[in-house]
Amino acid sequence: MRTTIRLDDELYRDVKAQAALEGRTVGEVIEDALRLRQRRRQIDASFEPLPVYGGSGVMPGVDLGDMAALRDLMDADASVDAPR
């Protein structure tokens, strides 16, 4: 099917350059991008949403930015609220 679409000038230049590098047409590159987008939407729709429980964030003493401390905390038998 033929259609007319409007593209941002910079986006078109990037797609045209990519197509030239790959030895393909601009239309083929755009079709692939649209197929990828559709496939991603189908995959996203197939996942069931995870349950969400009330709360106010992470437990006291948990620093998600410190992976070593988080691992130690998960491996420890002590309570999260226990002093270190």
Protein backbone atom coordinates (compact mmCIF):
# COMPACT_ATOMS: atom_id res chain seq x y z
CA MET A 1 0.00 0.00 0.00
CA ARG A 2 1.23 3.46 -0.73
CA THR A 3 0.68 6.29 1.71
CA THR A 4 2.06 9.71 2.52
CA ILE A 5 3.45 10.51 5.94
CA ARG A 6 5.16 13.55 7.40
CA LEU A 7 8.52 13.01 9.08
CA ASP A 8 10.80 15.31 10.96
CA ASP A 9 13.62 16.43 8.61
CA GLU A 10 16.40 15.16 10.88
CA LEU A 11 14.66 11.82 11.39
CA TYR A 12 14.25 11.42 7.63
CA ARG A 13 17.94 12.19 7.03
CA ASP A 14 18.94 9.60 9.65
CA VAL A 15 16.64 6.95 8.16
CA LYS A 16 17.83 7.73 4.64
CA ALA A 17 21.48 7.40 5.71
CA GLN A 18 20.74 4.11 7.50
CA ALA A 19 18.94 2.79 4.43
CA ALA A 20 21.87 3.73 2.20
CA LEU A 21 24.34 1.99 4.53
CA GLU A 22 22.25 -1.17 4.51
CA GLY A 23 21.47 -1.08 0.77
CA ARG A 24 17.74 -0.81 1.44
CA THR A 25 15.01 1.69 0.72
CA VAL A 26 13.71 4.25 3.18
CA GLY A 27 10.34 2.50 3.03
CA GLU A 28 11.88 -0.84 4.04
CA VAL A 29 13.59 0.73 7.07
CA ILE A 30 10.35 2.44 8.13
CA GLU A 31 8.37 -0.80 7.65
CA ASP A 32 10.83 -2.69 9.86
CA ALA A 33 10.57 -0.01 12.54
CA LEU A 34 6.78 -0.21 12.49
CA ARG A 35 6.84 -4.02 12.63
CA LEU A 36 9.15 -3.90 15.64
CA ARG A 37 6.83 -1.43 17.36
CA GLN A 38 3.80 -3.63 16.70
CA ARG A 39 5.62 -6.75 17.92
CA ARG A 40 6.68 -4.95 21.11
CA ARG A 41 3.09 -3.86 21.77
CA GLN A 42 1.88 -7.45 21.31
CA ILE A 43 4.53 -8.78 23.70
CA ASP A 44 3.74 -6.09 26.28
CA ALA A 45 0.02 -6.92 26.05
CA SER A 46 0.71 -10.61 26.69
CA PHE A 47 2.23 -9.98 30.14
CA GLU A 48 -0.10 -9.97 33.09
CA PRO A 49 0.38 -6.97 35.35
CA LEU A 50 2.23 -7.67 38.58
CA PRO A 51 0.28 -7.18 41.79
CA VAL A 52 0.96 -3.93 43.59
CA TYR A 53 0.75 -3.74 47.35
CA GLY A 54 0.45 -0.66 49.49
CA GLY A 55 3.49 0.65 51.23
CA SER A 56 5.77 3.62 51.51
CA GLY A 57 8.83 2.39 49.65
CA VAL A 58 11.76 0.27 50.72
CA MET A 59 12.23 -0.98 54.26
CA PRO A 60 14.40 1.04 56.66
CA GLY A 61 18.08 0.31 56.23
CA VAL A 62 17.75 -0.75 52.59
CA ASP A 63 19.80 1.20 50.05
CA LEU A 64 18.99 -0.02 46.53
CA GLY A 65 22.04 1.83 45.22
CA ASP A 66 24.46 -0.26 47.31
CA MET A 67 24.30 -3.75 45.85
CA ALA A 68 26.92 -5.26 48.16
CA ALA A 69 25.07 -4.04 51.26
CA LEU A 70 21.76 -5.17 49.78
CA ARG A 71 23.15 -8.65 49.10
CA ASP A 72 24.57 -8.84 52.64
CA LEU A 73 21.21 -7.75 54.04
CA MET A 74 19.35 -10.38 52.01
CA ASP A 75 21.80 -13.10 53.13
CA ALA A 76 21.68 -12.08 56.81
CA ASP A 77 19.28 -13.68 59.23
CA ALA A 78 19.03 -10.46 61.24
CA SER A 79 16.09 -8.09 60.99
CA VAL A 80 16.38 -5.14 58.63
CA ASP A 81 15.78 -2.80 61.58
CA ALA A 82 18.68 -4.28 63.59
CA PRO A 83 21.64 -1.91 64.10
CA ARG A 84 24.73 -2.67 62.06
